């Protein structure tokens, strides 16, 4: 009696190739982005907060320069 090892649902391929040739399926590839986000969440939040503060600072400078230019035109 022949013993068959089933690795996948397509058992007909098992007859053509021995079981050692099959690579294991890594199901964590889809979750790699989630893992990275969870791992670096604190650094990502810090970077976004720093960018928001920087943009507010640059916007304030821009508004100040526009008001200064308008004041110079009216004088």
PDB file of N, CA and C in Angstrom:
ATOM      1  N   UNK A   1       0.833  -1.174   0.000  1.00  0.00           N
ATOM      2  CA  UNK A   1       0.000   0.000   0.000  1.00  0.00           C
ATOM      3  C   UNK A   1       0.883   1.245   0.000  1.00  0.00           C
ATOM      4  N   UNK A   2       0.552   2.164  -0.867  1.00  0.00           N
ATOM      5  CA  UNK A   2       1.328   3.377  -1.012  1.00  0.00           C
ATOM      6  C   UNK A   2       0.814   4.426  -0.034  1.00  0.00           C
ATOM      7  N   UNK A   3       1.739   5.064   0.663  1.00  0.00           N
ATOM      8  CA  UNK A   3       1.386   6.104   1.622  1.00  0.00           C
ATOM      9  C   UNK A   3       1.619   7.455   0.964  1.00  0.00           C
ATOM     10  N   UNK A   4       0.605   8.327   1.004  1.00  0.00           N
ATOM     11  CA  UNK A   4       0.772   9.640   0.374  1.00  0.00           C
ATOM     12  C   UNK A   4       0.757  10.726   1.452  1.00  0.00           C
ATOM     13  N   UNK A   5       1.670  11.680   1.295  1.00  0.00           N
ATOM     14  CA  UNK A   5       1.727  12.834   2.195  1.00  0.00           C
ATOM     15  C   UNK A   5       1.012  13.991   1.523  1.00  0.00           C
ATOM     16  N   UNK A   6       0.054  14.556   2.226  1.00  0.00           N
ATOM     17  CA  UNK A   6      -0.678  15.699   1.667  1.00  0.00           C
ATOM     18  C   UNK A   6      -0.188  16.981   2.320  1.00  0.00           C
ATOM     19  N   UNK A   7       0.377  17.861   1.497  1.00  0.00           N
ATOM     20  CA  UNK A   7       0.817  19.168   1.962  1.00  0.00           C
ATOM     21  C   UNK A   7      -0.189  20.220   1.535  1.00  0.00           C
ATOM     22  N   UNK A   8      -0.749  20.064   0.371  1.00  0.00           N
ATOM     23  CA  UNK A   8      -1.728  21.025  -0.125  1.00  0.00           C
ATOM     24  C   UNK A   8      -2.969  20.276  -0.590  1.00  0.00           C
ATOM     25  N   UNK A   9      -3.960  21.006  -1.033  1.00  0.00           N
ATOM     26  CA  UNK A   9      -5.187  20.395  -1.522  1.00  0.00           C
ATOM     27  C   UNK A   9      -4.973  19.733  -2.875  1.00  0.00           C
ATOM     28  N   UNK A  10      -3.933  20.135  -3.584  1.00  0.00           N
ATOM     29  CA  UNK A  10      -3.666  19.577  -4.907  1.00  0.00           C
ATOM     30  C   UNK A  10      -2.711  18.390  -4.765  1.00  0.00           C
ATOM     31  N   UNK A  11      -3.257  17.269  -4.372  1.00  0.00           N
ATOM     32  CA  UNK A  11      -2.432  16.104  -4.092  1.00  0.00           C
ATOM     33  C   UNK A  11      -1.863  15.454  -5.342  1.00  0.00           C
ATOM     34  N   UNK A  12      -2.385  15.779  -6.519  1.00  0.00           N
ATOM     35  CA  UNK A  12      -1.861  15.183  -7.746  1.00  0.00           C
ATOM     36  C   UNK A  12      -0.440  15.643  -8.034  1.00  0.00           C
ATOM     37  N   UNK A  13      -0.048  16.818  -7.523  1.00  0.00           N
ATOM     38  CA  UNK A  13       1.324  17.269  -7.715  1.00  0.00           C
ATOM     39  C   UNK A  13       2.297  16.505  -6.833  1.00  0.00           C
ATOM     40  N   UNK A  14       1.787  15.893  -5.765  1.00  0.00           N
ATOM     41  CA  UNK A  14       2.641  15.135  -4.858  1.00  0.00           C
ATOM     42  C   UNK A  14       3.259  13.924  -5.555  1.00  0.00           C
ATOM     43  N   UNK A  15       2.578  13.402  -6.526  1.00  0.00           N
ATOM     44  CA  UNK A  15       3.097  12.238  -7.221  1.00  0.00           C
ATOM     45  C   UNK A  15       4.267  12.604  -8.118  1.00  0.00           C
ATOM     46  N   UNK A  16       4.281  13.845  -8.637  1.00  0.00           N
ATOM     47  CA  UNK A  16       5.342  14.265  -9.545  1.00  0.00           C
ATOM     48  C   UNK A  16       6.595  14.701  -8.791  1.00  0.00           C
ATOM     49  N   UNK A  17       6.437  15.365  -7.648  1.00  0.00           N
ATOM     50  CA  UNK A  17       7.568  15.873  -6.891  1.00  0.00           C
ATOM     51  C   UNK A  17       7.572  15.272  -5.487  1.00  0.00           C
ATOM     52  N   UNK A  18       8.733  14.966  -4.961  1.00  0.00           N
ATOM     53  CA  UNK A  18       8.784  14.457  -3.594  1.00  0.00           C
ATOM     54  C   UNK A  18       8.424  15.561  -2.597  1.00  0.00           C
ATOM     55  N   UNK A  19       8.056  15.152  -1.393  1.00  0.00           N
ATOM     56  CA  UNK A  19       7.573  16.102  -0.386  1.00  0.00           C
ATOM     57  C   UNK A  19       8.656  17.089   0.032  1.00  0.00           C
ATOM     58  N   UNK A  20       9.926  16.734  -0.057  1.00  0.00           N
ATOM     59  CA  UNK A  20      10.998  17.627   0.355  1.00  0.00           C
ATOM     60  C   UNK A  20      11.188  18.827  -0.562  1.00  0.00           C
ATOM     61  N   UNK A  21      10.642  18.789  -1.758  1.00  0.00           N
ATOM     62  CA  UNK A  21      10.805  19.891  -2.706  1.00  0.00           C
ATOM     63  C   UNK A  21       9.860  21.048  -2.441  1.00  0.00           C
ATOM     64  N   UNK A  22       8.813  20.799  -1.692  1.00  0.00           N
ATOM     65  CA  UNK A  22       7.804  21.832  -1.469  1.00  0.00           C
ATOM     66  C   UNK A  22       8.290  22.823  -0.426  1.00  0.00           C
ATOM     67  N   UNK A  23       8.189  24.092  -0.745  1.00  0.00           N
ATOM     68  CA  UNK A  23       8.537  25.142   0.210  1.00  0.00           C
ATOM     69  C   UNK A  23       7.351  25.375   1.136  1.00  0.00           C
ATOM     70  N   UNK A  24       7.645  25.690   2.373  1.00  0.00           N
ATOM     71  CA  UNK A  24       6.571  25.962   3.312  1.00  0.00           C
ATOM     72  C   UNK A  24       5.949  27.317   2.991  1.00  0.00           C
ATOM     73  N   UNK A  25       4.655  27.388   3.157  1.00  0.00           N
ATOM     74  CA  UNK A  25       3.930  28.613   2.872  1.00  0.00           C
ATOM     75  C   UNK A  25       4.041  29.525   4.086  1.00  0.00           C
ATOM     76  N   UNK A  26       4.489  30.731   3.856  1.00  0.00           N
ATOM     77  CA  UNK A  26       4.602  31.711   4.926  1.00  0.00           C
ATOM     78  C   UNK A  26       3.363  32.592   4.887  1.00  0.00           C
ATOM     79  N   UNK A  27       2.461  32.367   5.794  1.00  0.00           N
ATOM     80  CA  UNK A  27       1.208  33.122   5.809  1.00  0.00           C
ATOM     81  C   UNK A  27       1.354  34.456   6.522  1.00  0.00           C
ATOM     82  N   UNK A  28       2.526  34.754   7.056  1.00  0.00           N
ATOM     83  CA  UNK A  28       2.740  36.012   7.746  1.00  0.00           C
ATOM     84  C   UNK A  28       3.168  37.136   6.808  1.00  0.00           C
ATOM     85  N   UNK A  29       3.317  36.862   5.525  1.00  0.00           N
ATOM     86  CA  UNK A  29       3.720  37.907   4.581  1.00  0.00           C
ATOM     87  C   UNK A  29       2.665  39.000   4.497  1.00  0.00           C
ATOM     88  N   UNK A  30       1.395  38.623   4.569  1.00  0.00           N
ATOM     89  CA  UNK A  30       0.331  39.618   4.499  1.00  0.00           C
ATOM     90  C   UNK A  30       0.287  40.470   5.761  1.00  0.00           C
ATOM     91  N   UNK A  31       0.763  39.942   6.868  1.00  0.00           N
ATOM     92  CA  UNK A  31       0.700  40.655   8.130  1.00  0.00           C
ATOM     93  C   UNK A  31       1.977  41.429   8.425  1.00  0.00           C
ATOM     94  N   UNK A  32       2.921  41.471   7.488  1.00  0.00           N
ATOM     95  CA  UNK A  32       4.190  42.139   7.757  1.00  0.00           C
ATOM     96  C   UNK A  32       4.002  43.637   7.950  1.00  0.00           C
ATOM     97  N   UNK A  33       3.109  44.262   7.186  1.00  0.00           N
ATOM     98  CA  UNK A  33       2.856  45.692   7.343  1.00  0.00           C
ATOM     99  C   UNK A  33       2.219  45.981   8.698  1.00  0.00           C
ATOM    100  N   UNK A  34       1.286  45.132   9.101  1.00  0.00           N
ATOM    101  CA  UNK A  34       0.653  45.307  10.415  1.00  0.00           C
ATOM    102  C   UNK A  34       1.675  45.155  11.531  1.00  0.00           C
ATOM    103  N   UNK A  35       2.576  44.182  11.377  1.00  0.00           N
ATOM    104  CA  UNK A  35       3.617  43.989  12.393  1.00  0.00           C
ATOM    105  C   UNK A  35       4.533  45.193  12.479  1.00  0.00           C
ATOM    106  N   UNK A  36       4.927  45.747  11.327  1.00  0.00           N
ATOM    107  CA  UNK A  36       5.792  46.925  11.323  1.00  0.00           C
ATOM    108  C   UNK A  36       5.099  48.128  11.948  1.00  0.00           C
ATOM    109  N   UNK A  37       3.817  48.309  11.622  1.00  0.00           N
ATOM    110  CA  UNK A  37       3.081  49.431  12.207  1.00  0.00           C
ATOM    111  C   UNK A  37       2.968  49.284  13.717  1.00  0.00           C
ATOM    112  N   UNK A  38       2.713  48.069  14.168  1.00  0.00           N
ATOM    113  CA  UNK A  38       2.587  47.849  15.607  1.00  0.00           C
ATOM    114  C   UNK A  38       3.936  48.021  16.311  1.00  0.00           C
ATOM    115  N   UNK A  39       4.990  47.594  15.642  1.00  0.00           N
ATOM    116  CA  UNK A  39       6.325  47.658  16.247  1.00  0.00           C
ATOM    117  C   UNK A  39       6.830  49.095  16.374  1.00  0.00           C
ATOM    118  N   UNK A  40       6.589  49.908  15.349  1.00  0.00           N
ATOM    119  CA  UNK A  40       7.109  51.267  15.313  1.00  0.00           C
ATOM    120  C   UNK A  40       6.019  52.320  15.519  1.00  0.00           C
ATOM    121  N   UNK A  41       4.916  51.956  16.160  1.00  0.00           N
ATOM    122  CA  UNK A  41       3.790  52.879  16.314  1.00  0.00           C
ATOM    123  C   UNK A  41       4.186  54.138  17.067  1.00  0.00           C
ATOM    124  N   UNK A  42       4.978  54.008  18.124  1.00  0.00           N
ATOM    125  CA  UNK A  42       5.366  55.170  18.915  1.00  0.00           C
ATOM    126  C   UNK A  42       6.250  56.120  18.103  1.00  0.00           C
ATOM    127  N   UNK A  43       7.171  55.566  17.326  1.00  0.00           N
ATOM    128  CA  UNK A  43       8.032  56.400  16.493  1.00  0.00           C
ATOM    129  C   UNK A  43       7.244  57.074  15.376  1.00  0.00           C
ATOM    130  N   UNK A  44       6.284  56.373  14.808  1.00  0.00           N
ATOM    131  CA  UNK A  44       5.451  56.940  13.752  1.00  0.00           C
ATOM    132  C   UNK A  44       4.612  58.084  14.311  1.00  0.00           C
ATOM    133  N   UNK A  45       4.018  57.875  15.488  1.00  0.00           N
ATOM    134  CA  UNK A  45       3.221  58.935  16.108  1.00  0.00           C
ATOM    135  C   UNK A  45       4.078  60.149  16.435  1.00  0.00           C
ATOM    136  N   UNK A  46       5.288  59.918  16.922  1.00  0.00           N
ATOM    137  CA  UNK A  46       6.192  61.027  17.229  1.00  0.00           C
ATOM    138  C   UNK A  46       6.559  61.795  15.963  1.00  0.00           C
ATOM    139  N   UNK A  47       6.816  61.082  14.885  1.00  0.00           N
ATOM    140  CA  UNK A  47       7.173  61.735  13.621  1.00  0.00           C
ATOM    141  C   UNK A  47       6.009  62.566  13.096  1.00  0.00           C
ATOM    142  N   UNK A  48       4.782  62.024  13.159  1.00  0.00           N
ATOM    143  CA  UNK A  48       3.616  62.786  12.709  1.00  0.00           C
ATOM    144  C   UNK A  48       3.383  64.015  13.568  1.00  0.00           C
ATOM    145  N   UNK A  49       3.571  63.884  14.879  1.00  0.00           N
ATOM    146  CA  UNK A  49       3.399  65.034  15.769  1.00  0.00           C
ATOM    147  C   UNK A  49       4.453  66.103  15.465  1.00  0.00           C
ATOM    148  N   UNK A  50       5.690  65.688  15.230  1.00  0.00           N
ATOM    149  CA  UNK A  50       6.756  66.640  14.903  1.00  0.00           C
ATOM    150  C   UNK A  50       6.463  67.336  13.574  1.00  0.00           C
ATOM    151  N   UNK A  51       5.965  66.586  12.596  1.00  0.00           N
ATOM    152  CA  UNK A  51       5.625  67.202  11.311  1.00  0.00           C
ATOM    153  C   UNK A  51       4.479  68.193  11.468  1.00  0.00           C
ATOM    154  N   UNK A  52       3.488  67.864  12.279  1.00  0.00           N
ATOM    155  CA  UNK A  52       2.363  68.773  12.487  1.00  0.00           C
ATOM    156  C   UNK A  52       2.826  70.058  13.163  1.00  0.00           C
ATOM    157  N   UNK A  53       3.664  69.927  14.183  1.00  0.00           N
ATOM    158  CA  UNK A  53       4.185  71.112  14.870  1.00  0.00           C
ATOM    159  C   UNK A  53       5.039  71.948  13.918  1.00  0.00           C
ATOM    160  N   UNK A  54       5.868  71.312  13.132  1.00  0.00           N
ATOM    161  CA  UNK A  54       6.696  72.015  12.154  1.00  0.00           C
ATOM    162  C   UNK A  54       5.865  72.741  11.112  1.00  0.00           C
ATOM    163  N   UNK A  55       4.817  72.093  10.621  1.00  0.00           N
ATOM    164  CA  UNK A  55       3.949  72.746   9.632  1.00  0.00           C
ATOM    165  C   UNK A  55       3.217  73.940  10.236  1.00  0.00           C
ATOM    166  N   UNK A  56       2.767  73.807  11.493  1.00  0.00           N
ATOM    167  CA  UNK A  56       2.119  74.955  12.151  1.00  0.00           C
ATOM    168  C   UNK A  56       3.106  76.110  12.317  1.00  0.00           C
ATOM    169  N   UNK A  57       4.337  75.792  12.663  1.00  0.00           N
ATOM    170  CA  UNK A  57       5.363  76.816  12.821  1.00  0.00           C
ATOM    171  C   UNK A  57       5.638  77.524  11.490  1.00  0.00           C
ATOM    172  N   UNK A  58       5.799  76.758  10.423  1.00  0.00           N
ATOM    173  CA  UNK A  58       6.041  77.348   9.104  1.00  0.00           C
ATOM    174  C   UNK A  58       4.845  78.150   8.607  1.00  0.00           C
ATOM    175  N   UNK A  59       3.635  77.667   8.913  1.00  0.00           N
ATOM    176  CA  UNK A  59       2.441  78.414   8.537  1.00  0.00           C
ATOM    177  C   UNK A  59       2.381  79.742   9.278  1.00  0.00           C
ATOM    178  N   UNK A  60       2.745  79.727  10.554  1.00  0.00           N
ATOM    179  CA  UNK A  60       2.780  80.971  11.324  1.00  0.00           C
ATOM    180  C   UNK A  60       3.771  81.965  10.760  1.00  0.00           C
ATOM    181  N   UNK A  61       4.946  81.488  10.387  1.00  0.00           N
ATOM    182  CA  UNK A  61       5.945  82.372   9.773  1.00  0.00           C
ATOM    183  C   UNK A  61       5.420  82.931   8.459  1.00  0.00           C
ATOM    184  N   UNK A  62       4.773  82.075   7.660  1.00  0.00           N
ATOM    185  CA  UNK A  62       4.250  82.507   6.368  1.00  0.00           C
ATOM    186  C   UNK A  62       3.173  83.585   6.555  1.00  0.00           C
ATOM    187  N   UNK A  63       2.267  83.365   7.488  1.00  0.00           N
ATOM    188  CA  UNK A  63       1.215  84.349   7.748  1.00  0.00           C
ATOM    189  C   UNK A  63       1.828  85.654   8.241  1.00  0.00           C
ATOM    190  N   UNK A  64       2.807  85.560   9.113  1.00  0.00           N
ATOM    191  CA  UNK A  64       3.478  86.763   9.611  1.00  0.00           C
ATOM    192  C   UNK A  64       4.136  87.537   8.473  1.00  0.00           C
ATOM    193  N   UNK A  65       4.802  86.850   7.582  1.00  0.00           N
ATOM    194  CA  UNK A  65       5.455  87.529   6.455  1.00  0.00           C
ATOM    195  C   UNK A  65       4.436  88.171   5.529  1.00  0.00           C
ATOM    196  N   UNK A  66       3.302  87.510   5.304  1.00  0.00           N
ATOM    197  CA  UNK A  66       2.261  88.095   4.454  1.00  0.00           C
ATOM    198  C   UNK A  66       1.706  89.352   5.107  1.00  0.00           C
ATOM    199  N   UNK A  67       1.433  89.286   6.417  1.00  0.00           N
ATOM    200  CA  UNK A  67       0.914  90.469   7.109  1.00  0.00           C
ATOM    201  C   UNK A  67       1.947  91.594   7.127  1.00  0.00           C
ATOM    202  N   UNK A  68       3.206  91.247   7.280  1.00  0.00           N
ATOM    203  CA  UNK A  68       4.274  92.253   7.257  1.00  0.00           C
ATOM    204  C   UNK A  68       4.366  92.920   5.888  1.00  0.00           C
ATOM    205  N   UNK A  69       4.197  92.122   4.822  1.00  0.00           N
ATOM    206  CA  UNK A  69       4.245  92.667   3.470  1.00  0.00           C
ATOM    207  C   UNK A  69       3.041  93.565   3.217  1.00  0.00           C
ATOM    208  N   UNK A  70       1.852  93.172   3.705  1.00  0.00           N
ATOM    209  CA  UNK A  70       0.670  94.006   3.532  1.00  0.00           C
ATOM    210  C   UNK A  70       0.797  95.315   4.321  1.00  0.00           C
ATOM    211  N   UNK A  71       1.377  95.250   5.492  1.00  0.00           N
ATOM    212  CA  UNK A  71       1.588  96.445   6.296  1.00  0.00           C
ATOM    213  C   UNK A  71       2.557  97.400   5.588  1.00  0.00           C
ATOM    214  N   UNK A  72       3.578  96.838   4.944  1.00  0.00           N
ATOM    215  CA  UNK A  72       4.544  97.659   4.221  1.00  0.00           C
ATOM    216  C   UNK A  72       3.936  98.319   3.008  1.00  0.00           C
ATOM    217  N   UNK A  73       2.964  97.675   2.366  1.00  0.00           N
ATOM    218  CA  UNK A  73       2.326  98.237   1.178  1.00  0.00           C
ATOM    219  C   UNK A  73       1.430  99.406   1.585  1.00  0.00           C
ATOM    220  N   UNK A  74       0.720  99.291   2.712  1.00  0.00           N
ATOM    221  CA  UNK A  74      -0.209 100.342   3.139  1.00  0.00           C
ATOM    222  C   UNK A  74       0.487 101.539   3.761  1.00  0.00           C
ATOM    223  N   UNK A  75       1.719 101.419   4.150  1.00  0.00           N
ATOM    224  CA  UNK A  75       2.414 102.542   4.805  1.00  0.00           C
ATOM    225  C   UNK A  75       2.935 103.542   3.838  1.00  0.00           C
TER     226      UNK A  75
END
